[in-house]
Amino acid sequence: MRIGHGYDVHRFCDNRPLFLGGVNIPYEKGLLGHSDADVLLHAICDALIGACALGDIGHLFPDNNDKYKDIDSKILLSDVVSRLEEIGYKTVNVDATVIAQKPKLAPYISKMRETVAELLKTDIANVNIKATTEEGLGFTGELLGISAHAVCLIG
């Protein structure tokens, strides 16, 4: 058994869709990034990569490689899961938190859990996703962006 932690942050920008947990969330802004900037999937990727001591998401999928330009982060997470399988690991569970003042994410949490569970090839009972605000404090509270933390257990 191994434990991993992941963190990601992206700033809001205009004229981009917002993806969180592989789900398109209706909102007036999206997140800026080389890929689709799905902070939740990126944090989960980093947690899994870290648990296996394979570096980090930037090492495996560098933002200076055009192959990953605007890539769907579901593809990145699927690739990470395949790498884990190749070295004999599978996800036991994931617990993640999205920090966003807006939009309200409660209506989308179940779909995010379903999507992440499918990508991880595990039961939905092994995936927990929470959302919180920072009560108007910090960059997320000031509506400058969104961040996410994830922890995982693999075995």
C-alpha atoms as a PDB file:
ATOM      1  CA  MET A   1       0.000   0.000   0.000  1.00  0.00           C
ATOM      2  CA  ARG A   2       1.199   3.496  -0.843  1.00  0.00           C
ATOM      3  CA  ILE A   3      -0.257   6.950  -0.216  1.00  0.00           C
ATOM      4  CA  GLY A   4      -0.056   9.978  -2.513  1.00  0.00           C
ATOM      5  CA  HIS A   5      -1.050  13.645  -2.345  1.00  0.00           C
ATOM      6  CA  GLY A   6      -1.739  15.964  -5.260  1.00  0.00           C
ATOM      7  CA  TYR A   7      -2.444  19.676  -5.597  1.00  0.00           C
ATOM      8  CA  ASP A   8      -3.247  21.857  -8.581  1.00  0.00           C
ATOM      9  CA  VAL A   9      -4.363  25.408  -9.240  1.00  0.00           C
ATOM     10  CA  HIS A  10      -5.456  27.303 -12.338  1.00  0.00           C
ATOM     11  CA  ARG A  11      -6.510  30.885 -12.869  1.00  0.00           C
ATOM     12  CA  PHE A  12      -9.869  31.816 -14.395  1.00  0.00           C
ATOM     13  CA  CYS A  13      -9.947  33.095 -17.964  1.00  0.00           C
ATOM     14  CA  ASP A  14     -12.546  34.122 -20.524  1.00  0.00           C
ATOM     15  CA  ASN A  15     -13.617  32.160 -23.591  1.00  0.00           C
ATOM     16  CA  ARG A  16     -12.884  28.662 -22.250  1.00  0.00           C
ATOM     17  CA  PRO A  17     -15.186  25.971 -20.935  1.00  0.00           C
ATOM     18  CA  LEU A  18     -14.853  24.951 -17.280  1.00  0.00           C
ATOM     19  CA  PHE A  19     -14.013  21.288 -16.670  1.00  0.00           C
ATOM     20  CA  LEU A  20     -13.851  19.798 -13.183  1.00  0.00           C
ATOM     21  CA  GLY A  21     -13.615  16.078 -12.540  1.00  0.00           C
ATOM     22  CA  GLY A  22     -14.084  15.445 -16.243  1.00  0.00           C
ATOM     23  CA  VAL A  23     -17.444  17.235 -16.211  1.00  0.00           C
ATOM     24  CA  ASN A  24     -18.245  20.387 -18.191  1.00  0.00           C
ATOM     25  CA  ILE A  25     -19.597  22.857 -15.613  1.00  0.00           C
ATOM     26  CA  PRO A  26     -21.721  25.724 -16.947  1.00  0.00           C
ATOM     27  CA  TYR A  27     -19.998  28.944 -15.846  1.00  0.00           C
ATOM     28  CA  GLU A  28     -19.061  32.301 -17.320  1.00  0.00           C
ATOM     29  CA  LYS A  29     -15.328  31.516 -17.185  1.00  0.00           C
ATOM     30  CA  GLY A  30     -13.042  28.569 -17.695  1.00  0.00           C
ATOM     31  CA  LEU A  31      -9.560  27.839 -16.406  1.00  0.00           C
ATOM     32  CA  LEU A  32      -6.318  28.805 -18.108  1.00  0.00           C
ATOM     33  CA  GLY A  33      -3.875  26.010 -18.829  1.00  0.00           C
ATOM     34  CA  HIS A  34      -1.923  24.121 -21.477  1.00  0.00           C
ATOM     35  CA  SER A  35      -4.426  21.260 -21.302  1.00  0.00           C
ATOM     36  CA  ASP A  36      -8.138  21.679 -20.530  1.00  0.00           C
ATOM     37  CA  ALA A  37      -6.978  22.832 -17.032  1.00  0.00           C
ATOM     38  CA  ASP A  38      -9.155  20.410 -15.054  1.00  0.00           C
ATOM     39  CA  VAL A  39      -7.643  21.105 -11.613  1.00  0.00           C
ATOM     40  CA  LEU A  40      -9.438  18.190  -9.986  1.00  0.00           C
ATOM     41  CA  LEU A  41      -8.213  15.559 -12.426  1.00  0.00           C
ATOM     42  CA  HIS A  42      -4.735  17.091 -12.320  1.00  0.00           C
ATOM     43  CA  ALA A  43      -4.631  16.851  -8.512  1.00  0.00           C
ATOM     44  CA  ILE A  44      -5.783  13.218  -8.707  1.00  0.00           C
ATOM     45  CA  CYS A  45      -3.133  12.471 -11.352  1.00  0.00           C
ATOM     46  CA  ASP A  46      -0.455  14.023  -9.141  1.00  0.00           C
ATOM     47  CA  ALA A  47      -1.603  12.031  -6.104  1.00  0.00           C
ATOM     48  CA  LEU A  48      -1.393   8.747  -8.044  1.00  0.00           C
ATOM     49  CA  ILE A  49       1.917   9.664  -9.673  1.00  0.00           C
ATOM     50  CA  GLY A  50       3.330  10.647  -6.296  1.00  0.00           C
ATOM     51  CA  ALA A  51       2.179   7.443  -4.640  1.00  0.00           C
ATOM     52  CA  CYS A  52       4.281   5.509  -7.161  1.00  0.00           C
ATOM     53  CA  ALA A  53       7.258   7.914  -6.939  1.00  0.00           C
ATOM     54  CA  LEU A  54       7.008   8.612 -10.682  1.00  0.00           C
ATOM     55  CA  GLY A  55       7.590  12.365 -10.371  1.00  0.00           C
ATOM     56  CA  ASP A  56       4.688  14.681 -11.060  1.00  0.00           C
ATOM     57  CA  ILE A  57       2.167  15.580 -13.731  1.00  0.00           C
ATOM     58  CA  GLY A  58       4.472  18.209 -15.256  1.00  0.00           C
ATOM     59  CA  HIS A  59       7.216  15.609 -15.642  1.00  0.00           C
ATOM     60  CA  LEU A  60       4.965  13.067 -17.375  1.00  0.00           C
ATOM     61  CA  PHE A  61       2.940  15.567 -19.424  1.00  0.00           C
ATOM     62  CA  PRO A  62       5.107  18.700 -19.881  1.00  0.00           C
ATOM     63  CA  ASP A  63       3.351  21.951 -20.755  1.00  0.00           C
ATOM     64  CA  ASN A  64       5.948  22.703 -23.418  1.00  0.00           C
ATOM     65  CA  ASN A  65       4.919  19.638 -25.438  1.00  0.00           C
ATOM     66  CA  ASP A  66       2.292  20.447 -28.067  1.00  0.00           C
ATOM     67  CA  LYS A  67       1.025  16.853 -27.820  1.00  0.00           C
ATOM     68  CA  TYR A  68      -0.742  17.931 -24.614  1.00  0.00           C
ATOM     69  CA  LYS A  69      -2.046  21.298 -25.857  1.00  0.00           C
ATOM     70  CA  ASP A  70      -5.770  21.511 -24.977  1.00  0.00           C
ATOM     71  CA  ILE A  71      -5.804  17.766 -24.201  1.00  0.00           C
ATOM     72  CA  ASP A  72      -8.763  16.361 -22.296  1.00  0.00           C
ATOM     73  CA  SER A  73      -7.502  15.643 -18.775  1.00  0.00           C
ATOM     74  CA  LYS A  74      -9.507  12.410 -18.763  1.00  0.00           C
ATOM     75  CA  ILE A  75      -6.912  11.136 -21.245  1.00  0.00           C
ATOM     76  CA  LEU A  76      -4.117  12.132 -18.855  1.00  0.00           C
ATOM     77  CA  LEU A  77      -5.746  10.349 -15.914  1.00  0.00           C
ATOM     78  CA  SER A  78      -6.353   7.233 -18.033  1.00  0.00           C
ATOM     79  CA  ASP A  79      -2.680   7.255 -18.990  1.00  0.00           C
ATOM     80  CA  VAL A  80      -1.657   7.522 -15.318  1.00  0.00           C
ATOM     81  CA  VAL A  81      -3.935   4.599 -14.419  1.00  0.00           C
ATOM     82  CA  SER A  82      -2.330   2.517 -17.202  1.00  0.00           C
ATOM     83  CA  ARG A  83       1.146   3.359 -15.871  1.00  0.00           C
ATOM     84  CA  LEU A  84       0.085   2.231 -12.391  1.00  0.00           C
ATOM     85  CA  GLU A  85      -1.314  -1.020 -13.763  1.00  0.00           C
ATOM     86  CA  GLU A  86       1.963  -1.677 -15.614  1.00  0.00           C
ATOM     87  CA  ILE A  87       3.878  -1.609 -12.320  1.00  0.00           C
ATOM     88  CA  GLY A  88       1.277  -3.636 -10.434  1.00  0.00           C
ATOM     89  CA  TYR A  89      -0.827  -1.012  -8.656  1.00  0.00           C
ATOM     90  CA  LYS A  90      -4.501  -0.134  -8.652  1.00  0.00           C
ATOM     91  CA  THR A  91      -6.431   2.585  -6.874  1.00  0.00           C
ATOM     92  CA  VAL A  92      -7.812   1.627  -3.484  1.00  0.00           C
ATOM     93  CA  ASN A  93      -9.465   5.000  -2.881  1.00  0.00           C
ATOM     94  CA  VAL A  94      -9.275   8.728  -3.633  1.00  0.00           C
ATOM     95  CA  ASP A  95     -10.458  11.634  -1.514  1.00  0.00           C
ATOM     96  CA  ALA A  96     -10.402  15.057  -3.172  1.00  0.00           C
ATOM     97  CA  THR A  97     -11.399  18.627  -2.360  1.00  0.00           C
ATOM     98  CA  VAL A  98     -12.098  21.391  -4.870  1.00  0.00           C
ATOM     99  CA  ILE A  99     -11.682  24.928  -3.511  1.00  0.00           C
ATOM    100  CA  ALA A 100     -13.832  27.407  -5.452  1.00  0.00           C
ATOM    101  CA  GLN A 101     -15.849  30.413  -4.378  1.00  0.00           C
ATOM    102  CA  LYS A 102     -17.911  30.043  -7.556  1.00  0.00           C
ATOM    103  CA  PRO A 103     -19.522  28.242  -9.245  1.00  0.00           C
ATOM    104  CA  LYS A 104     -21.456  26.158  -6.752  1.00  0.00           C
ATOM    105  CA  LEU A 105     -20.427  22.574  -7.398  1.00  0.00           C
ATOM    106  CA  ALA A 106     -22.868  20.520  -5.307  1.00  0.00           C
ATOM    107  CA  PRO A 107     -25.118  19.706  -8.316  1.00  0.00           C
ATOM    108  CA  TYR A 108     -22.143  18.209 -10.194  1.00  0.00           C
ATOM    109  CA  ILE A 109     -20.385  16.189  -7.490  1.00  0.00           C
ATOM    110  CA  SER A 110     -22.171  12.882  -8.242  1.00  0.00           C
ATOM    111  CA  LYS A 111     -21.319  13.070 -11.952  1.00  0.00           C
ATOM    112  CA  MET A 112     -17.707  13.942 -11.085  1.00  0.00           C
ATOM    113  CA  ARG A 113     -17.527  10.905  -8.774  1.00  0.00           C
ATOM    114  CA  GLU A 114     -18.961   8.643 -11.476  1.00  0.00           C
ATOM    115  CA  THR A 115     -16.530   9.961 -14.073  1.00  0.00           C
ATOM    116  CA  VAL A 116     -13.482   9.672 -11.806  1.00  0.00           C
ATOM    117  CA  ALA A 117     -14.456   6.172 -10.644  1.00  0.00           C
ATOM    118  CA  GLU A 118     -14.793   5.034 -14.247  1.00  0.00           C
ATOM    119  CA  LEU A 119     -11.401   6.506 -15.171  1.00  0.00           C
ATOM    120  CA  LEU A 120      -9.781   4.898 -12.125  1.00  0.00           C
ATOM    121  CA  LYS A 121     -11.460   1.552 -12.911  1.00  0.00           C
ATOM    122  CA  THR A 122     -12.868   1.371  -9.399  1.00  0.00           C
ATOM    123  CA  ASP A 123     -16.217   1.430  -7.648  1.00  0.00           C
ATOM    124  CA  ILE A 124     -17.787   4.822  -7.010  1.00  0.00           C
ATOM    125  CA  ALA A 125     -17.690   3.997  -3.271  1.00  0.00           C
ATOM    126  CA  ASN A 126     -13.901   4.382  -3.525  1.00  0.00           C
ATOM    127  CA  VAL A 127     -14.086   7.982  -4.772  1.00  0.00           C
ATOM    128  CA  ASN A 128     -14.999  10.941  -2.590  1.00  0.00           C
ATOM    129  CA  ILE A 129     -15.135  14.497  -3.922  1.00  0.00           C
ATOM    130  CA  LYS A 130     -15.906  17.541  -1.820  1.00  0.00           C
ATOM    131  CA  ALA A 131     -16.200  21.224  -2.652  1.00  0.00           C
ATOM    132  CA  THR A 132     -15.626  24.162  -0.372  1.00  0.00           C
ATOM    133  CA  THR A 133     -15.082  27.894  -0.505  1.00  0.00           C
ATOM    134  CA  GLU A 134     -12.504  30.005   1.304  1.00  0.00           C
ATOM    135  CA  GLU A 135     -15.175  32.407   2.554  1.00  0.00           C
ATOM    136  CA  GLY A 136     -14.029  35.172   0.212  1.00  0.00           C
ATOM    137  CA  LEU A 137     -10.368  34.881   1.256  1.00  0.00           C
ATOM    138  CA  GLY A 138      -7.320  34.234  -0.923  1.00  0.00           C
ATOM    139  CA  PHE A 139      -7.182  33.880  -4.681  1.00  0.00           C
ATOM    140  CA  THR A 140     -10.093  31.417  -4.849  1.00  0.00           C
ATOM    141  CA  GLY A 141     -12.188  33.606  -2.575  1.00  0.00           C
ATOM    142  CA  GLU A 142     -11.418  36.605  -4.764  1.00  0.00           C
ATOM    143  CA  LEU A 143     -12.640  34.616  -7.810  1.00  0.00           C
ATOM    144  CA  LEU A 144      -9.211  34.537  -9.445  1.00  0.00           C
ATOM    145  CA  GLY A 145      -9.129  30.762  -9.868  1.00  0.00           C
ATOM    146  CA  ILE A 146      -9.815  27.291  -8.524  1.00  0.00           C
ATOM    147  CA  SER A 147      -7.576  24.832  -6.700  1.00  0.00           C
ATOM    148  CA  ALA A 148      -7.876  21.172  -5.743  1.00  0.00           C
ATOM    149  CA  HIS A 149      -6.227  18.724  -3.359  1.00  0.00           C
ATOM    150  CA  ALA A 150      -6.360  14.939  -3.649  1.00  0.00           C
ATOM    151  CA  VAL A 151      -5.066  12.052  -1.593  1.00  0.00           C
ATOM    152  CA  CYS A 152      -5.017   8.452  -2.717  1.00  0.00           C
ATOM    153  CA  LEU A 153      -4.228   4.994  -1.490  1.00  0.00           C
ATOM    154  CA  ILE A 154      -2.968   2.466  -4.013  1.00  0.00           C
ATOM    155  CA  GLY A 155      -2.186  -1.181  -3.587  1.00  0.00           C
END
